[in-house]
Amino acid sequence: MVDYRKIITIQAGKRGGKPCIRGMRITVYDILSWMSLGMSPNEIVEEYPELQAEDIYAALSFAADRERSIYQVAV
């Protein structure tokens, strides 16, 4: 399991404070969007060589935890 806290960064001045991958300008949202369009983790890494497979899984873990926390608050 990937510890996304070591990979996902949030900086006020970068991409409007959205969660990014290792301080880059690629956001968790970008990765989720690419995957929703049918791109596999391998295809994303091939298209964006600055990313690693671990980054993709960190984005998924981050999104899952965020979803879980939203659901727990709503219940």
C-alpha atoms as a PDB file:
ATOM      1  CA  MET A   1       0.000   0.000   0.000  1.00  0.00           C
ATOM      2  CA  VAL A   2       1.277   3.449  -0.922  1.00  0.00           C
ATOM      3  CA  ASP A   3       1.529   6.129   1.771  1.00  0.00           C
ATOM      4  CA  TYR A   4       0.152   9.041  -0.220  1.00  0.00           C
ATOM      5  CA  ARG A   5       1.155  11.526   2.489  1.00  0.00           C
ATOM      6  CA  LYS A   6       4.727  11.261   1.220  1.00  0.00           C
ATOM      7  CA  ILE A   7       3.680  11.933  -2.389  1.00  0.00           C
ATOM      8  CA  ILE A   8       0.657  14.253  -2.412  1.00  0.00           C
ATOM      9  CA  THR A   9       1.502  17.879  -1.677  1.00  0.00           C
ATOM     10  CA  ILE A  10      -0.757  20.883  -1.192  1.00  0.00           C
ATOM     11  CA  GLN A  11       0.738  24.350  -1.643  1.00  0.00           C
ATOM     12  CA  ALA A  12      -1.375  27.496  -1.621  1.00  0.00           C
ATOM     13  CA  GLY A  13       0.330  29.037  -4.664  1.00  0.00           C
ATOM     14  CA  LYS A  14       0.419  25.930  -6.839  1.00  0.00           C
ATOM     15  CA  ARG A  15      -2.610  24.987  -8.942  1.00  0.00           C
ATOM     16  CA  GLY A  16      -4.863  26.932  -6.589  1.00  0.00           C
ATOM     17  CA  GLY A  17      -3.987  24.794  -3.581  1.00  0.00           C
ATOM     18  CA  LYS A  18      -5.177  21.579  -5.209  1.00  0.00           C
ATOM     19  CA  PRO A  19      -3.483  18.322  -4.176  1.00  0.00           C
ATOM     20  CA  CYS A  20      -0.500  17.762  -6.498  1.00  0.00           C
ATOM     21  CA  ILE A  21       1.967  14.978  -7.101  1.00  0.00           C
ATOM     22  CA  ARG A  22       5.369  15.561  -5.434  1.00  0.00           C
ATOM     23  CA  GLY A  23       5.175  19.342  -5.809  1.00  0.00           C
ATOM     24  CA  MET A  24       4.644  19.142  -9.563  1.00  0.00           C
ATOM     25  CA  ARG A  25       1.795  20.861 -11.362  1.00  0.00           C
ATOM     26  CA  ILE A  26       0.052  17.528 -11.997  1.00  0.00           C
ATOM     27  CA  THR A  27      -2.937  17.214  -9.675  1.00  0.00           C
ATOM     28  CA  VAL A  28      -4.782  14.266  -8.211  1.00  0.00           C
ATOM     29  CA  TYR A  29      -7.743  15.466 -10.285  1.00  0.00           C
ATOM     30  CA  ASP A  30      -5.656  15.254 -13.466  1.00  0.00           C
ATOM     31  CA  ILE A  31      -4.790  11.628 -12.756  1.00  0.00           C
ATOM     32  CA  LEU A  32      -8.366  10.697 -11.875  1.00  0.00           C
ATOM     33  CA  SER A  33      -9.594  12.396 -15.049  1.00  0.00           C
ATOM     34  CA  TRP A  34      -7.124  10.506 -17.231  1.00  0.00           C
ATOM     35  CA  MET A  35      -8.150   7.244 -15.627  1.00  0.00           C
ATOM     36  CA  SER A  36     -11.842   8.037 -16.111  1.00  0.00           C
ATOM     37  CA  LEU A  37     -11.082   8.456 -19.818  1.00  0.00           C
ATOM     38  CA  GLY A  38      -9.728   4.911 -19.834  1.00  0.00           C
ATOM     39  CA  MET A  39      -5.989   5.480 -19.462  1.00  0.00           C
ATOM     40  CA  SER A  40      -4.202   2.789 -17.484  1.00  0.00           C
ATOM     41  CA  PRO A  41      -1.515   3.660 -14.921  1.00  0.00           C
ATOM     42  CA  ASN A  42       1.106   2.431 -17.402  1.00  0.00           C
ATOM     43  CA  GLU A  43      -0.281   4.659 -20.168  1.00  0.00           C
ATOM     44  CA  ILE A  44      -0.253   7.686 -17.875  1.00  0.00           C
ATOM     45  CA  VAL A  45       3.382   7.055 -16.916  1.00  0.00           C
ATOM     46  CA  GLU A  46       4.301   6.607 -20.584  1.00  0.00           C
ATOM     47  CA  GLU A  47       2.558   9.883 -21.483  1.00  0.00           C
ATOM     48  CA  TYR A  48       3.969  11.759 -18.469  1.00  0.00           C
ATOM     49  CA  PRO A  49       7.412  10.251 -17.756  1.00  0.00           C
ATOM     50  CA  GLU A  50       7.931  12.549 -14.764  1.00  0.00           C
ATOM     51  CA  LEU A  51       5.332  10.398 -12.990  1.00  0.00           C
ATOM     52  CA  GLN A  52       5.897   6.989 -11.465  1.00  0.00           C
ATOM     53  CA  ALA A  53       3.360   4.195 -11.003  1.00  0.00           C
ATOM     54  CA  GLU A  54       3.531   4.862  -7.256  1.00  0.00           C
ATOM     55  CA  ASP A  55       2.250   8.419  -7.934  1.00  0.00           C
ATOM     56  CA  ILE A  56      -0.844   7.057  -9.670  1.00  0.00           C
ATOM     57  CA  TYR A  57      -1.651   4.746  -6.764  1.00  0.00           C
ATOM     58  CA  ALA A  58      -1.022   7.564  -4.282  1.00  0.00           C
ATOM     59  CA  ALA A  59      -3.581   9.707  -6.122  1.00  0.00           C
ATOM     60  CA  LEU A  60      -6.118   6.871  -5.941  1.00  0.00           C
ATOM     61  CA  SER A  61      -5.438   6.316  -2.229  1.00  0.00           C
ATOM     62  CA  PHE A  62      -5.767  10.043  -1.532  1.00  0.00           C
ATOM     63  CA  ALA A  63      -9.085  10.206  -3.411  1.00  0.00           C
ATOM     64  CA  ALA A  64     -10.400   7.125  -1.601  1.00  0.00           C
ATOM     65  CA  ASP A  65      -9.528   8.580   1.809  1.00  0.00           C
ATOM     66  CA  ARG A  66     -11.114  11.908   0.891  1.00  0.00           C
ATOM     67  CA  GLU A  67     -14.275  10.143  -0.274  1.00  0.00           C
ATOM     68  CA  ARG A  68     -14.360   8.086   2.908  1.00  0.00           C
ATOM     69  CA  SER A  69     -14.044  11.184   5.083  1.00  0.00           C
ATOM     70  CA  ILE A  70     -16.811  13.004   3.201  1.00  0.00           C
ATOM     71  CA  TYR A  71     -19.130  10.016   3.547  1.00  0.00           C
ATOM     72  CA  GLN A  72     -18.426   9.682   7.281  1.00  0.00           C
ATOM     73  CA  VAL A  73     -19.289  13.348   7.853  1.00  0.00           C
ATOM     74  CA  ALA A  74     -22.525  13.043   5.867  1.00  0.00           C
ATOM     75  CA  VAL A  75     -23.793  10.021   7.790  1.00  0.00           C
END
